[in-house]
Amino acid sequence: MDSENILFDGIAQANEHQMDALWAILKYRDMGILRKVYAMCEVLGLDKDKVVSTLPQDENGRIYDSKNRFLLSRALLGQSPIDNLSP
C-alpha cells in the first residue's frame, strides 16, 4: 500500500471491532465507493477530505471504484488474523 495513504495507515492500527465494521462497510453492496470511504473514515476517526485526496482518482477528481475496492480489500486482508478469515 502507499505509505502516504491515511486510510491504509488507519486500517493498520484498527482494533478488532473497527475491523469488523470496516469489512461490513466494504462488503455492503448498496453503497458507492465514496460513501464507503466516508463511512470508514468515521469508524477510524479520520479526516475524510484528507483521505480522499490520497486515493487513486481520475483526471476529474473522481475516485476509482474497482481500484480502490481492491486496495481496501488488500489492506483489510493484511490486518485480518488468519483464524478470523474462515466463514
N, C-alpha and C. Protein backbone atom coordinates (compact mmCIF):
# COMPACT_ATOMS: atom_id res chain seq x y z
N MET A 1 0.83 -1.18 0.00
CA MET A 1 0.00 0.00 0.00
C MET A 1 0.88 1.26 0.00
N ASP A 2 0.31 2.31 -0.47
CA ASP A 2 1.01 3.59 -0.45
C ASP A 2 1.19 4.04 0.99
N SER A 3 2.44 4.27 1.38
CA SER A 3 2.73 4.61 2.78
C SER A 3 2.16 5.98 3.15
N GLU A 4 1.78 6.79 2.16
CA GLU A 4 1.23 8.10 2.45
C GLU A 4 -0.29 8.09 2.53
N ASN A 5 -0.91 6.93 2.39
CA ASN A 5 -2.36 6.88 2.43
C ASN A 5 -2.85 6.77 3.86
N ILE A 6 -3.53 7.78 4.31
CA ILE A 6 -4.01 7.88 5.69
C ILE A 6 -4.98 6.76 6.03
N LEU A 7 -5.85 6.40 5.10
CA LEU A 7 -6.84 5.35 5.36
C LEU A 7 -6.15 4.01 5.60
N PHE A 8 -5.16 3.67 4.81
CA PHE A 8 -4.46 2.40 5.00
C PHE A 8 -3.68 2.40 6.31
N ASP A 9 -3.14 3.53 6.69
CA ASP A 9 -2.47 3.64 7.99
C ASP A 9 -3.49 3.43 9.12
N GLY A 10 -4.68 4.01 8.96
CA GLY A 10 -5.73 3.83 9.96
C GLY A 10 -6.17 2.38 10.06
N ILE A 11 -6.28 1.70 8.93
CA ILE A 11 -6.65 0.29 8.92
C ILE A 11 -5.58 -0.53 9.65
N ALA A 12 -4.34 -0.18 9.45
CA ALA A 12 -3.24 -0.91 10.10
C ALA A 12 -3.29 -0.79 11.62
N GLN A 13 -3.91 0.27 12.12
CA GLN A 13 -3.99 0.50 13.57
C GLN A 13 -5.36 0.17 14.16
N ALA A 14 -6.26 -0.34 13.32
CA ALA A 14 -7.64 -0.60 13.77
C ALA A 14 -7.71 -1.76 14.74
N ASN A 15 -8.64 -1.65 15.69
CA ASN A 15 -8.86 -2.76 16.62
C ASN A 15 -9.82 -3.77 15.98
N GLU A 16 -10.08 -4.86 16.68
CA GLU A 16 -10.91 -5.94 16.15
C GLU A 16 -12.32 -5.47 15.78
N HIS A 17 -12.91 -4.63 16.60
CA HIS A 17 -14.27 -4.16 16.35
C HIS A 17 -14.31 -3.20 15.16
N GLN A 18 -13.30 -2.36 15.05
CA GLN A 18 -13.22 -1.48 13.90
C GLN A 18 -13.05 -2.29 12.62
N MET A 19 -12.24 -3.34 12.69
CA MET A 19 -12.04 -4.20 11.51
C MET A 19 -13.36 -4.83 11.08
N ASP A 20 -14.16 -5.29 12.03
CA ASP A 20 -15.46 -5.86 11.69
C ASP A 20 -16.33 -4.84 10.97
N ALA A 21 -16.34 -3.61 11.48
CA ALA A 21 -17.13 -2.55 10.86
C ALA A 21 -16.60 -2.22 9.47
N LEU A 22 -15.29 -2.17 9.31
CA LEU A 22 -14.70 -1.85 8.01
C LEU A 22 -15.03 -2.91 6.97
N TRP A 23 -14.97 -4.18 7.37
CA TRP A 23 -15.34 -5.27 6.44
C TRP A 23 -16.81 -5.16 6.06
N ALA A 24 -17.67 -4.88 7.03
CA ALA A 24 -19.10 -4.76 6.74
C ALA A 24 -19.36 -3.62 5.76
N ILE A 25 -18.68 -2.51 5.95
CA ILE A 25 -18.83 -1.37 5.05
C ILE A 25 -18.38 -1.74 3.64
N LEU A 26 -17.22 -2.35 3.53
CA LEU A 26 -16.68 -2.70 2.21
C LEU A 26 -17.59 -3.68 1.48
N LYS A 27 -18.16 -4.63 2.19
CA LYS A 27 -18.99 -5.67 1.56
C LYS A 27 -20.42 -5.23 1.29
N TYR A 28 -20.87 -4.13 1.86
CA TYR A 28 -22.24 -3.66 1.65
C TYR A 28 -22.40 -3.20 0.20
N ARG A 29 -23.33 -3.80 -0.52
CA ARG A 29 -23.46 -3.58 -1.96
C ARG A 29 -24.24 -2.34 -2.36
N ASP A 30 -25.06 -1.81 -1.50
CA ASP A 30 -25.93 -0.69 -1.87
C ASP A 30 -25.32 0.68 -1.58
N MET A 31 -24.00 0.73 -1.56
CA MET A 31 -23.31 1.97 -1.24
C MET A 31 -22.13 2.13 -2.21
N GLY A 32 -21.96 3.32 -2.75
CA GLY A 32 -20.84 3.59 -3.66
C GLY A 32 -19.53 3.70 -2.91
N ILE A 33 -18.44 3.71 -3.66
CA ILE A 33 -17.10 3.70 -3.05
C ILE A 33 -16.84 4.96 -2.23
N LEU A 34 -17.29 6.11 -2.70
CA LEU A 34 -17.03 7.33 -1.94
C LEU A 34 -17.74 7.29 -0.59
N ARG A 35 -18.98 6.85 -0.60
CA ARG A 35 -19.73 6.73 0.67
C ARG A 35 -19.08 5.70 1.59
N LYS A 36 -18.54 4.62 1.02
CA LYS A 36 -17.83 3.62 1.83
C LYS A 36 -16.59 4.24 2.48
N VAL A 37 -15.85 5.00 1.71
CA VAL A 37 -14.64 5.64 2.24
C VAL A 37 -15.02 6.61 3.36
N TYR A 38 -16.07 7.39 3.16
CA TYR A 38 -16.52 8.31 4.21
C TYR A 38 -16.91 7.56 5.48
N ALA A 39 -17.64 6.45 5.32
CA ALA A 39 -18.04 5.65 6.48
C ALA A 39 -16.82 5.07 7.19
N MET A 40 -15.85 4.60 6.42
CA MET A 40 -14.62 4.06 7.02
C MET A 40 -13.88 5.14 7.79
N CYS A 41 -13.88 6.34 7.26
CA CYS A 41 -13.23 7.46 7.95
C CYS A 41 -13.91 7.73 9.29
N GLU A 42 -15.23 7.64 9.32
CA GLU A 42 -15.96 7.83 10.58
C GLU A 42 -15.58 6.76 11.59
N VAL A 43 -15.51 5.52 11.16
CA VAL A 43 -15.16 4.42 12.06
C VAL A 43 -13.76 4.62 12.64
N LEU A 44 -12.84 5.10 11.81
CA LEU A 44 -11.45 5.24 12.23
C LEU A 44 -11.11 6.63 12.78
N GLY A 45 -12.06 7.56 12.74
CA GLY A 45 -11.80 8.91 13.23
C GLY A 45 -10.83 9.69 12.37
N LEU A 46 -10.95 9.54 11.04
CA LEU A 46 -10.05 10.20 10.11
C LEU A 46 -10.75 11.34 9.38
N ASP A 47 -9.97 12.31 8.92
CA ASP A 47 -10.48 13.43 8.13
C ASP A 47 -10.77 12.93 6.72
N LYS A 48 -12.04 12.92 6.33
CA LYS A 48 -12.43 12.34 5.05
C LYS A 48 -11.84 13.09 3.86
N ASP A 49 -11.71 14.39 3.95
CA ASP A 49 -11.15 15.15 2.84
C ASP A 49 -9.68 14.82 2.61
N LYS A 50 -8.93 14.66 3.69
CA LYS A 50 -7.52 14.28 3.57
C LYS A 50 -7.39 12.88 3.00
N VAL A 51 -8.25 11.98 3.46
CA VAL A 51 -8.21 10.60 2.99
C VAL A 51 -8.50 10.53 1.50
N VAL A 52 -9.58 11.17 1.07
CA VAL A 52 -9.98 11.12 -0.34
C VAL A 52 -8.88 11.68 -1.24
N SER A 53 -8.20 12.70 -0.78
CA SER A 53 -7.13 13.30 -1.60
C SER A 53 -5.95 12.36 -1.82
N THR A 54 -5.84 11.31 -1.00
CA THR A 54 -4.72 10.36 -1.15
C THR A 54 -5.09 9.11 -1.94
N LEU A 55 -6.37 8.97 -2.31
CA LEU A 55 -6.81 7.79 -3.05
C LEU A 55 -6.64 7.99 -4.55
N PRO A 56 -6.43 6.88 -5.30
CA PRO A 56 -6.33 6.98 -6.77
C PRO A 56 -7.60 7.58 -7.37
N GLN A 57 -7.41 8.58 -8.25
CA GLN A 57 -8.53 9.31 -8.85
C GLN A 57 -8.31 9.47 -10.35
N ASP A 58 -9.41 9.75 -11.06
CA ASP A 58 -9.28 10.05 -12.48
C ASP A 58 -8.93 11.53 -12.65
N GLU A 59 -8.85 11.96 -13.90
CA GLU A 59 -8.45 13.35 -14.19
C GLU A 59 -9.47 14.38 -13.73
N ASN A 60 -10.71 13.93 -13.43
CA ASN A 60 -11.75 14.83 -12.94
C ASN A 60 -11.89 14.81 -11.43
N GLY A 61 -11.02 14.09 -10.74
CA GLY A 61 -11.05 14.04 -9.29
C GLY A 61 -11.98 13.00 -8.69
N ARG A 62 -12.57 12.14 -9.54
CA ARG A 62 -13.43 11.06 -9.03
C ARG A 62 -12.55 9.88 -8.66
N ILE A 63 -12.82 9.30 -7.49
CA ILE A 63 -12.01 8.17 -7.08
C ILE A 63 -12.45 6.92 -7.85
N TYR A 64 -11.48 6.11 -8.22
CA TYR A 64 -11.75 4.88 -8.96
C TYR A 64 -12.42 3.86 -8.05
N ASP A 65 -13.50 3.27 -8.54
CA ASP A 65 -14.25 2.30 -7.76
C ASP A 65 -13.48 0.99 -7.61
N SER A 66 -13.24 0.28 -8.69
CA SER A 66 -12.65 -1.06 -8.58
C SER A 66 -11.23 -1.03 -8.03
N LYS A 67 -10.45 -0.06 -8.42
CA LYS A 67 -9.07 0.02 -7.93
C LYS A 67 -9.04 0.27 -6.42
N ASN A 68 -9.89 1.17 -5.94
CA ASN A 68 -9.92 1.46 -4.50
C ASN A 68 -10.53 0.32 -3.71
N ARG A 69 -11.54 -0.36 -4.26
CA ARG A 69 -12.08 -1.54 -3.58
C ARG A 69 -11.00 -2.61 -3.42
N PHE A 70 -10.23 -2.81 -4.48
CA PHE A 70 -9.14 -3.78 -4.43
C PHE A 70 -8.11 -3.40 -3.37
N LEU A 71 -7.69 -2.14 -3.37
CA LEU A 71 -6.69 -1.68 -2.39
C LEU A 71 -7.21 -1.79 -0.96
N LEU A 72 -8.47 -1.44 -0.77
CA LEU A 72 -9.06 -1.55 0.57
C LEU A 72 -9.16 -3.01 1.01
N SER A 73 -9.55 -3.88 0.10
CA SER A 73 -9.61 -5.31 0.43
C SER A 73 -8.24 -5.82 0.83
N ARG A 74 -7.22 -5.43 0.09
CA ARG A 74 -5.85 -5.86 0.40
C ARG A 74 -5.40 -5.35 1.77
N ALA A 75 -5.71 -4.10 2.05
CA ALA A 75 -5.34 -3.51 3.34
C ALA A 75 -6.04 -4.25 4.48
N LEU A 76 -7.33 -4.55 4.30
CA LEU A 76 -8.08 -5.26 5.34
C LEU A 76 -7.58 -6.69 5.50
N LEU A 77 -7.32 -7.37 4.40
CA LEU A 77 -6.79 -8.73 4.47
C LEU A 77 -5.43 -8.76 5.17
N GLY A 78 -4.63 -7.73 4.91
CA GLY A 78 -3.31 -7.65 5.53
C GLY A 78 -3.36 -7.50 7.04
N GLN A 79 -4.48 -7.01 7.57
CA GLN A 79 -4.61 -6.79 9.01
C GLN A 79 -5.51 -7.81 9.69
N SER A 80 -6.13 -8.69 8.91
CA SER A 80 -7.05 -9.68 9.48
C SER A 80 -6.28 -10.91 9.94
N PRO A 81 -6.51 -11.34 11.17
CA PRO A 81 -5.87 -12.58 11.64
C PRO A 81 -6.34 -13.75 10.79
N ILE A 82 -5.44 -14.68 10.52
CA ILE A 82 -5.75 -15.84 9.69
C ILE A 82 -6.94 -16.62 10.24
N ASP A 83 -7.04 -16.80 11.54
CA ASP A 83 -8.13 -17.60 12.11
C ASP A 83 -9.49 -16.93 11.99
N ASN A 84 -9.54 -15.64 11.66
CA ASN A 84 -10.82 -14.95 11.50
C ASN A 84 -11.28 -14.89 10.05
N LEU A 85 -10.49 -15.45 9.14
CA LEU A 85 -10.84 -15.36 7.73
C LEU A 85 -11.76 -16.49 7.26
N SER A 86 -11.92 -17.53 8.04
CA SER A 86 -12.79 -18.61 7.60
C SER A 86 -14.23 -18.31 8.01
N PRO A 87 -15.20 -18.78 7.18
CA PRO A 87 -16.61 -18.46 7.47
C PRO A 87 -17.15 -19.09 8.73
